[in-house]
Amino acid sequence: EESLAFQHVKPGIMAEERFTTWEGRDDRGAMEFKAHTIWGRVWLVYWRAGIDGVHGFFNRDGSPLAWEGKNEPLPDWIDWNQIIYIAE
């Protein structure tokens, strides 16, 4: 038997409008933050910019998650609180 959540989720996809980078360039992949939530609270966030692969994993408070891969610092212009707000 499927879980209650799975029984009530509507199948589909989410599409977002493409926008250019803050540099005005449109020749590279988008910046993505994938927030993993548990019971409505962000647990960790995966940051990927363009086609360069993962740039880092971050805890809810914005601190880098300890792992063997690369963890680049977040640029100053990223509003971390806004990312958490949107995800939750």
PDB file of N, CA and C in Angstrom:
ATOM      1  N   GLU A   1       0.836  -1.182   0.000  1.00  0.00           N
ATOM      2  CA  GLU A   1       0.000   0.000   0.000  1.00  0.00           C
ATOM      3  C   GLU A   1       0.881   1.245   0.000  1.00  0.00           C
ATOM      4  N   GLU A   2       0.481   2.235  -0.786  1.00  0.00           N
ATOM      5  CA  GLU A   2       1.240   3.479  -0.899  1.00  0.00           C
ATOM      6  C   GLU A   2       1.020   4.365   0.331  1.00  0.00           C
ATOM      7  N   SER A   3       1.970   5.255   0.588  1.00  0.00           N
ATOM      8  CA  SER A   3       1.839   6.175   1.716  1.00  0.00           C
ATOM      9  C   SER A   3       0.703   7.158   1.463  1.00  0.00           C
ATOM     10  N   LEU A   4       0.221   7.773   2.537  1.00  0.00           N
ATOM     11  CA  LEU A   4      -0.854   8.747   2.425  1.00  0.00           C
ATOM     12  C   LEU A   4      -0.439   9.911   1.522  1.00  0.00           C
ATOM     13  N   ALA A   5       0.792  10.389   1.692  1.00  0.00           N
ATOM     14  CA  ALA A   5       1.273  11.495   0.864  1.00  0.00           C
ATOM     15  C   ALA A   5       1.280  11.101  -0.611  1.00  0.00           C
ATOM     16  N   PHE A   6       1.753   9.906  -0.913  1.00  0.00           N
ATOM     17  CA  PHE A   6       1.823   9.455  -2.296  1.00  0.00           C
ATOM     18  C   PHE A   6       0.433   9.257  -2.891  1.00  0.00           C
ATOM     19  N   GLN A   7      -0.524   8.874  -2.076  1.00  0.00           N
ATOM     20  CA  GLN A   7      -1.894   8.678  -2.556  1.00  0.00           C
ATOM     21  C   GLN A   7      -2.550  10.002  -2.959  1.00  0.00           C
ATOM     22  N   HIS A   8      -2.126  11.117  -2.367  1.00  0.00           N
ATOM     23  CA  HIS A   8      -2.784  12.395  -2.597  1.00  0.00           C
ATOM     24  C   HIS A   8      -1.992  13.369  -3.468  1.00  0.00           C
ATOM     25  N   VAL A   9      -0.785  13.022  -3.845  1.00  0.00           N
ATOM     26  CA  VAL A   9      -0.002  13.922  -4.684  1.00  0.00           C
ATOM     27  C   VAL A   9      -0.539  13.865  -6.118  1.00  0.00           C
ATOM     28  N   LYS A  10      -0.610  15.030  -6.745  1.00  0.00           N
ATOM     29  CA  LYS A  10      -1.076  15.096  -8.127  1.00  0.00           C
ATOM     30  C   LYS A  10       0.133  14.964  -9.045  1.00  0.00           C
ATOM     31  N   PRO A  11       0.073  14.049 -10.009  1.00  0.00           N
ATOM     32  CA  PRO A  11       1.202  13.914 -10.936  1.00  0.00           C
ATOM     33  C   PRO A  11       1.353  15.166 -11.790  1.00  0.00           C
ATOM     34  N   GLY A  12       2.563  15.461 -12.150  1.00  0.00           N
ATOM     35  CA  GLY A  12       2.795  16.610 -13.010  1.00  0.00           C
ATOM     36  C   GLY A  12       4.232  17.071 -12.937  1.00  0.00           C
ATOM     37  N   ILE A  13       4.508  18.166 -13.579  1.00  0.00           N
ATOM     38  CA  ILE A  13       5.844  18.751 -13.580  1.00  0.00           C
ATOM     39  C   ILE A  13       5.724  20.230 -13.243  1.00  0.00           C
ATOM     40  N   MET A  14       6.832  20.808 -12.861  1.00  0.00           N
ATOM     41  CA  MET A  14       6.876  22.236 -12.616  1.00  0.00           C
ATOM     42  C   MET A  14       7.879  22.831 -13.583  1.00  0.00           C
ATOM     43  N   ALA A  15       7.456  23.833 -14.325  1.00  0.00           N
ATOM     44  CA  ALA A  15       8.352  24.520 -15.259  1.00  0.00           C
ATOM     45  C   ALA A  15       8.505  25.958 -14.809  1.00  0.00           C
ATOM     46  N   GLU A  16       9.724  26.448 -14.885  1.00  0.00           N
ATOM     47  CA  GLU A  16       9.992  27.827 -14.499  1.00  0.00           C
ATOM     48  C   GLU A  16      10.514  28.591 -15.698  1.00  0.00           C
ATOM     49  N   GLU A  17      10.171  29.867 -15.738  1.00  0.00           N
ATOM     50  CA  GLU A  17      10.660  30.713 -16.815  1.00  0.00           C
ATOM     51  C   GLU A  17      12.170  30.860 -16.704  1.00  0.00           C
ATOM     52  N   ARG A  18      12.849  30.792 -17.817  1.00  0.00           N
ATOM     53  CA  ARG A  18      14.306  30.943 -17.854  1.00  0.00           C
ATOM     54  C   ARG A  18      14.657  32.416 -17.753  1.00  0.00           C
ATOM     55  N   PHE A  19      15.645  32.735 -16.951  1.00  0.00           N
ATOM     56  CA  PHE A  19      16.102  34.116 -16.884  1.00  0.00           C
ATOM     57  C   PHE A  19      17.614  34.149 -16.989  1.00  0.00           C
ATOM     58  N   THR A  20      18.142  35.274 -17.406  1.00  0.00           N
ATOM     59  CA  THR A  20      19.588  35.395 -17.593  1.00  0.00           C
ATOM     60  C   THR A  20      20.269  35.592 -16.253  1.00  0.00           C
ATOM     61  N   THR A  21      21.567  35.416 -16.253  1.00  0.00           N
ATOM     62  CA  THR A  21      22.343  35.587 -15.029  1.00  0.00           C
ATOM     63  C   THR A  21      22.420  37.058 -14.657  1.00  0.00           C
ATOM     64  N   TRP A  22      22.885  37.324 -13.468  1.00  0.00           N
ATOM     65  CA  TRP A  22      23.031  38.708 -13.018  1.00  0.00           C
ATOM     66  C   TRP A  22      24.035  39.471 -13.869  1.00  0.00           C
ATOM     67  N   GLU A  23      24.889  38.725 -14.587  1.00  0.00           N
ATOM     68  CA  GLU A  23      25.854  39.357 -15.486  1.00  0.00           C
ATOM     69  C   GLU A  23      25.221  39.713 -16.829  1.00  0.00           C
ATOM     70  N   GLY A  24      23.969  39.311 -17.032  1.00  0.00           N
ATOM     71  CA  GLY A  24      23.306  39.553 -18.304  1.00  0.00           C
ATOM     72  C   GLY A  24      23.627  38.507 -19.358  1.00  0.00           C
ATOM     73  N   ARG A  25      24.317  37.473 -18.961  1.00  0.00           N
ATOM     74  CA  ARG A  25      24.691  36.404 -19.901  1.00  0.00           C
ATOM     75  C   ARG A  25      23.605  35.340 -19.921  1.00  0.00           C
ATOM     76  N   ASP A  26      23.435  34.713 -21.077  1.00  0.00           N
ATOM     77  CA  ASP A  26      22.459  33.639 -21.195  1.00  0.00           C
ATOM     78  C   ASP A  26      23.089  32.435 -21.893  1.00  0.00           C
ATOM     79  N   ASP A  27      24.392  32.287 -21.726  1.00  0.00           N
ATOM     80  CA  ASP A  27      25.102  31.212 -22.424  1.00  0.00           C
ATOM     81  C   ASP A  27      25.582  30.125 -21.468  1.00  0.00           C
ATOM     82  N   ARG A  28      24.973  30.044 -20.308  1.00  0.00           N
ATOM     83  CA  ARG A  28      25.359  29.022 -19.339  1.00  0.00           C
ATOM     84  C   ARG A  28      24.128  28.535 -18.597  1.00  0.00           C
ATOM     85  N   GLY A  29      24.282  27.431 -17.912  1.00  0.00           N
ATOM     86  CA  GLY A  29      23.158  26.853 -17.183  1.00  0.00           C
ATOM     87  C   GLY A  29      22.719  27.708 -16.009  1.00  0.00           C
ATOM     88  N   ALA A  30      21.544  27.441 -15.526  1.00  0.00           N
ATOM     89  CA  ALA A  30      20.969  28.220 -14.433  1.00  0.00           C
ATOM     90  C   ALA A  30      21.589  27.854 -13.087  1.00  0.00           C
ATOM     91  N   MET A  31      21.482  28.774 -12.141  1.00  0.00           N
ATOM     92  CA  MET A  31      21.886  28.498 -10.765  1.00  0.00           C
ATOM     93  C   MET A  31      20.696  27.850 -10.072  1.00  0.00           C
ATOM     94  N   GLU A  32      20.947  26.776  -9.353  1.00  0.00           N
ATOM     95  CA  GLU A  32      19.877  26.046  -8.684  1.00  0.00           C
ATOM     96  C   GLU A  32      20.201  25.852  -7.210  1.00  0.00           C
ATOM     97  N   PHE A  33      19.177  25.968  -6.405  1.00  0.00           N
ATOM     98  CA  PHE A  33      19.241  25.581  -5.004  1.00  0.00           C
ATOM     99  C   PHE A  33      18.136  24.558  -4.801  1.00  0.00           C
ATOM    100  N   LYS A  34      18.501  23.344  -4.465  1.00  0.00           N
ATOM    101  CA  LYS A  34      17.508  22.303  -4.208  1.00  0.00           C
ATOM    102  C   LYS A  34      17.447  22.084  -2.706  1.00  0.00           C
ATOM    103  N   ALA A  35      16.340  22.473  -2.130  1.00  0.00           N
ATOM    104  CA  ALA A  35      16.170  22.383  -0.683  1.00  0.00           C
ATOM    105  C   ALA A  35      15.453  21.091  -0.333  1.00  0.00           C
ATOM    106  N   HIS A  36      16.049  20.322   0.529  1.00  0.00           N
ATOM    107  CA  HIS A  36      15.450  19.078   1.018  1.00  0.00           C
ATOM    108  C   HIS A  36      14.811  19.384   2.361  1.00  0.00           C
ATOM    109  N   THR A  37      13.511  19.183   2.427  1.00  0.00           N
ATOM    110  CA  THR A  37      12.779  19.515   3.646  1.00  0.00           C
ATOM    111  C   THR A  37      12.237  18.265   4.322  1.00  0.00           C
ATOM    112  N   ILE A  38      12.124  18.356   5.621  1.00  0.00           N
ATOM    113  CA  ILE A  38      11.498  17.304   6.425  1.00  0.00           C
ATOM    114  C   ILE A  38      10.472  18.002   7.302  1.00  0.00           C
ATOM    115  N   TRP A  39       9.225  17.581   7.188  1.00  0.00           N
ATOM    116  CA  TRP A  39       8.115  18.165   7.941  1.00  0.00           C
ATOM    117  C   TRP A  39       8.070  19.686   7.795  1.00  0.00           C
ATOM    118  N   GLY A  40       8.325  20.168   6.588  1.00  0.00           N
ATOM    119  CA  GLY A  40       8.186  21.593   6.306  1.00  0.00           C
ATOM    120  C   GLY A  40       9.360  22.458   6.693  1.00  0.00           C
ATOM    121  N   ARG A  41      10.450  21.855   7.165  1.00  0.00           N
ATOM    122  CA  ARG A  41      11.655  22.618   7.513  1.00  0.00           C
ATOM    123  C   ARG A  41      12.819  22.148   6.665  1.00  0.00           C
ATOM    124  N   VAL A  42      13.585  23.107   6.195  1.00  0.00           N
ATOM    125  CA  VAL A  42      14.756  22.767   5.381  1.00  0.00           C
ATOM    126  C   VAL A  42      15.739  21.978   6.217  1.00  0.00           C
ATOM    127  N   TRP A  43      16.222  20.884   5.651  1.00  0.00           N
ATOM    128  CA  TRP A  43      17.225  20.050   6.314  1.00  0.00           C
ATOM    129  C   TRP A  43      18.601  20.326   5.723  1.00  0.00           C
ATOM    130  N   LEU A  44      18.685  20.311   4.389  1.00  0.00           N
ATOM    131  CA  LEU A  44      19.921  20.673   3.708  1.00  0.00           C
ATOM    132  C   LEU A  44      19.593  21.230   2.334  1.00  0.00           C
ATOM    133  N   VAL A  45      20.542  21.982   1.784  1.00  0.00           N
ATOM    134  CA  VAL A  45      20.366  22.607   0.475  1.00  0.00           C
ATOM    135  C   VAL A  45      21.556  22.250  -0.401  1.00  0.00           C
ATOM    136  N   TYR A  46      21.245  21.865  -1.623  1.00  0.00           N
ATOM    137  CA  TYR A  46      22.237  21.508  -2.638  1.00  0.00           C
ATOM    138  C   TYR A  46      22.344  22.691  -3.584  1.00  0.00           C
ATOM    139  N   TRP A  47      23.562  23.177  -3.820  1.00  0.00           N
ATOM    140  CA  TRP A  47      23.779  24.322  -4.696  1.00  0.00           C
ATOM    141  C   TRP A  47      24.501  23.867  -5.938  1.00  0.00           C
ATOM    142  N   ARG A  48      23.924  24.210  -7.075  1.00  0.00           N
ATOM    143  CA  ARG A  48      24.530  23.900  -8.365  1.00  0.00           C
ATOM    144  C   ARG A  48      24.431  25.144  -9.230  1.00  0.00           C
ATOM    145  N   ALA A  49      25.517  25.496  -9.858  1.00  0.00           N
ATOM    146  CA  ALA A  49      25.521  26.669 -10.736  1.00  0.00           C
ATOM    147  C   ALA A  49      25.964  26.246 -12.133  1.00  0.00           C
ATOM    148  N   GLY A  50      25.074  26.424 -13.095  1.00  0.00           N
ATOM    149  CA  GLY A  50      25.415  26.086 -14.467  1.00  0.00           C
ATOM    150  C   GLY A  50      25.628  24.606 -14.667  1.00  0.00           C
ATOM    151  N   ILE A  51      26.541  24.287 -15.554  1.00  0.00           N
ATOM    152  CA  ILE A  51      26.818  22.892 -15.873  1.00  0.00           C
ATOM    153  C   ILE A  51      28.075  22.391 -15.165  1.00  0.00           C
ATOM    154  N   ASP A  52      28.534  23.166 -14.183  1.00  0.00           N
ATOM    155  CA  ASP A  52      29.780  22.837 -13.489  1.00  0.00           C
ATOM    156  C   ASP A  52      29.616  21.798 -12.393  1.00  0.00           C
ATOM    157  N   GLY A  53      28.423  21.313 -12.177  1.00  0.00           N
ATOM    158  CA  GLY A  53      28.203  20.333 -11.122  1.00  0.00           C
ATOM    159  C   GLY A  53      27.959  20.997  -9.787  1.00  0.00           C
ATOM    160  N   VAL A  54      28.025  20.201  -8.753  1.00  0.00           N
ATOM    161  CA  VAL A  54      27.699  20.696  -7.412  1.00  0.00           C
ATOM    162  C   VAL A  54      28.744  21.698  -6.933  1.00  0.00           C
ATOM    163  N   HIS A  55      28.266  22.760  -6.316  1.00  0.00           N
ATOM    164  CA  HIS A  55      29.150  23.764  -5.725  1.00  0.00           C
ATOM    165  C   HIS A  55      29.181  23.643  -4.218  1.00  0.00           C
ATOM    166  N   GLY A  56      28.189  22.941  -3.657  1.00  0.00           N
ATOM    167  CA  GLY A  56      28.217  22.739  -2.221  1.00  0.00           C
ATOM    168  C   GLY A  56      26.898  22.258  -1.667  1.00  0.00           C
ATOM    169  N   PHE A  57      26.983  21.741  -0.457  1.00  0.00           N
ATOM    170  CA  PHE A  57      25.825  21.356   0.341  1.00  0.00           C
ATOM    171  C   PHE A  57      25.855  22.214   1.592  1.00  0.00           C
ATOM    172  N   PHE A  58      24.684  22.710   1.988  1.00  0.00           N
ATOM    173  CA  PHE A  58      24.621  23.629   3.113  1.00  0.00           C
ATOM    174  C   PHE A  58      23.529  23.221   4.085  1.00  0.00           C
ATOM    175  N   ASN A  59      23.809  23.437   5.365  1.00  0.00           N
ATOM    176  CA  ASN A  59      22.815  23.225   6.411  1.00  0.00           C
ATOM    177  C   ASN A  59      21.783  24.343   6.361  1.00  0.00           C
ATOM    178  N   ARG A  60      20.714  24.188   7.114  1.00  0.00           N
ATOM    179  CA  ARG A  60      19.638  25.176   7.133  1.00  0.00           C
ATOM    180  C   ARG A  60      20.144  26.568   7.481  1.00  0.00           C
ATOM    181  N   ASP A  61      21.134  26.666   8.343  1.00  0.00           N
ATOM    182  CA  ASP A  61      21.647  27.977   8.760  1.00  0.00           C
ATOM    183  C   ASP A  61      22.643  28.582   7.766  1.00  0.00           C
ATOM    184  N   GLY A  62      22.889  27.900   6.651  1.00  0.00           N
ATOM    185  CA  GLY A  62      23.807  28.401   5.637  1.00  0.00           C
ATOM    186  C   GLY A  62      25.240  27.957   5.803  1.00  0.00           C
ATOM    187  N   SER A  63      25.522  27.235   6.873  1.00  0.00           N
ATOM    188  CA  SER A  63      26.885  26.739   7.067  1.00  0.00           C
ATOM    189  C   SER A  63      27.126  25.548   6.135  1.00  0.00           C
ATOM    190  N   PRO A  64      28.364  25.398   5.655  1.00  0.00           N
ATOM    191  CA  PRO A  64      28.650  24.295   4.746  1.00  0.00           C
ATOM    192  C   PRO A  64      28.544  22.944   5.451  1.00  0.00           C
ATOM    193  N   LEU A  65      27.993  21.981   4.754  1.00  0.00           N
ATOM    194  CA  LEU A  65      27.885  20.614   5.253  1.00  0.00           C
ATOM    195  C   LEU A  65      29.230  19.931   5.071  1.00  0.00           C
ATOM    196  N   ALA A  66      29.708  19.241   6.087  1.00  0.00           N
ATOM    197  CA  ALA A  66      30.990  18.542   5.997  1.00  0.00           C
ATOM    198  C   ALA A  66      30.834  17.294   5.129  1.00  0.00           C
ATOM    199  N   TRP A  67      31.532  17.263   4.013  1.00  0.00           N
ATOM    200  CA  TRP A  67      31.549  16.097   3.139  1.00  0.00           C
ATOM    201  C   TRP A  67      32.841  16.136   2.338  1.00  0.00           C
ATOM    202  N   GLU A  68      33.122  15.111   1.587  1.00  0.00           N
ATOM    203  CA  GLU A  68      34.394  15.006   0.880  1.00  0.00           C
ATOM    204  C   GLU A  68      34.447  15.809  -0.403  1.00  0.00           C
ATOM    205  N   GLY A  69      33.309  16.249  -0.915  1.00  0.00           N
ATOM    206  CA  GLY A  69      33.275  17.019  -2.157  1.00  0.00           C
ATOM    207  C   GLY A  69      33.581  18.485  -1.927  1.00  0.00           C
ATOM    208  N   LYS A  70      33.432  19.251  -2.995  1.00  0.00           N
ATOM    209  CA  LYS A  70      33.757  20.675  -2.898  1.00  0.00           C
ATOM    210  C   LYS A  70      32.614  21.449  -2.255  1.00  0.00           C
ATOM    211  N   ASN A  71      32.959  22.448  -1.500  1.00  0.00           N
ATOM    212  CA  ASN A  71      32.001  23.350  -0.863  1.00  0.00           C
ATOM    213  C   ASN A  71      32.514  24.764  -1.046  1.00  0.00           C
ATOM    214  N   GLU A  72      32.029  25.435  -2.078  1.00  0.00           N
ATOM    215  CA  GLU A  72      32.430  26.815  -2.310  1.00  0.00           C
ATOM    216  C   GLU A  72      31.598  27.729  -1.425  1.00  0.00           C
ATOM    217  N   PRO A  73      32.167  28.831  -0.977  1.00  0.00           N
ATOM    218  CA  PRO A  73      31.364  29.770  -0.181  1.00  0.00           C
ATOM    219  C   PRO A  73      30.284  30.408  -1.045  1.00  0.00           C
ATOM    220  N   LEU A  74      29.151  30.701  -0.444  1.00  0.00           N
ATOM    221  CA  LEU A  74      28.069  31.353  -1.172  1.00  0.00           C
ATOM    222  C   LEU A  74      28.450  32.789  -1.496  1.00  0.00           C
ATOM    223  N   PRO A  75      28.130  33.251  -2.707  1.00  0.00           N
ATOM    224  CA  PRO A  75      28.388  34.662  -3.024  1.00  0.00           C
ATOM    225  C   PRO A  75      27.598  35.582  -2.099  1.00  0.00           C
ATOM    226  N   ASP A  76      28.137  36.761  -1.846  1.00  0.00           N
ATOM    227  CA  ASP A  76      27.504  37.719  -0.933  1.00  0.00           C
ATOM    228  C   ASP A  76      26.115  38.152  -1.397  1.00  0.00           C
ATOM    229  N   TRP A  77      25.867  38.154  -2.697  1.00  0.00           N
ATOM    230  CA  TRP A  77      24.586  38.651  -3.202  1.00  0.00           C
ATOM    231  C   TRP A  77      23.443  37.649  -3.034  1.00  0.00           C
ATOM    232  N   ILE A  78      23.734  36.430  -2.618  1.00  0.00           N
ATOM    233  CA  ILE A  78      22.677  35.432  -2.424  1.00  0.00           C
ATOM    234  C   ILE A  78      22.002  35.680  -1.075  1.00  0.00           C
ATOM    235  N   ASP A  79      20.688  35.839  -1.114  1.00  0.00           N
ATOM    236  CA  ASP A  79      19.903  36.072   0.098  1.00  0.00           C
ATOM    237  C   ASP A  79      19.496  34.710   0.672  1.00  0.00           C
ATOM    238  N   TRP A  80      20.311  34.176   1.561  1.00  0.00           N
ATOM    239  CA  TRP A  80      20.088  32.835   2.106  1.00  0.00           C
ATOM    240  C   TRP A  80      18.743  32.734   2.827  1.00  0.00           C
ATOM    241  N   ASN A  81      18.395  33.748   3.589  1.00  0.00           N
ATOM    242  CA  ASN A  81      17.118  33.714   4.309  1.00  0.00           C
ATOM    243  C   ASN A  81      15.941  33.629   3.345  1.00  0.00           C
ATOM    244  N   GLN A  82      16.049  34.246   2.190  1.00  0.00           N
ATOM    245  CA  GLN A  82      14.997  34.188   1.190  1.00  0.00           C
ATOM    246  C   GLN A  82      14.885  32.771   0.610  1.00  0.00           C
ATOM    247  N   ILE A  83      16.000  32.108   0.408  1.00  0.00           N
ATOM    248  CA  ILE A  83      15.985  30.721  -0.079  1.00  0.00           C
ATOM    249  C   ILE A  83      15.263  29.831   0.915  1.00  0.00           C
ATOM    250  N   ILE A  84      15.584  29.981   2.189  1.00  0.00           N
ATOM    251  CA  ILE A  84      14.917  29.177   3.216  1.00  0.00           C
ATOM    252  C   ILE A  84      13.436  29.511   3.271  1.00  0.00           C
ATOM    253  N   TYR A  85      13.090  30.790   3.205  1.00  0.00           N
ATOM    254  CA  TYR A  85      11.692  31.212   3.244  1.00  0.00           C
ATOM    255  C   TYR A  85      10.890  30.590   2.096  1.00  0.00           C
ATOM    256  N   ILE A  86      11.430  30.632   0.898  1.00  0.00           N
ATOM    257  CA  ILE A  86      10.744  30.071  -0.273  1.00  0.00           C
ATOM    258  C   ILE A  86      10.569  28.568  -0.116  1.00  0.00           C
ATOM    259  N   ALA A  87      11.597  27.897   0.366  1.00  0.00           N
ATOM    260  CA  ALA A  87      11.544  26.434   0.498  1.00  0.00           C
ATOM    261  C   ALA A  87      10.552  25.979   1.555  1.00  0.00           C
ATOM    262  N   GLU A  88      10.423  26.773   2.599  1.00  0.00           N
ATOM    263  CA  GLU A  88       9.530  26.367   3.693  1.00  0.00           C
ATOM    264  C   GLU A  88       8.140  26.926   3.509  1.00  0.00           C
TER     265      GLU A  88
END
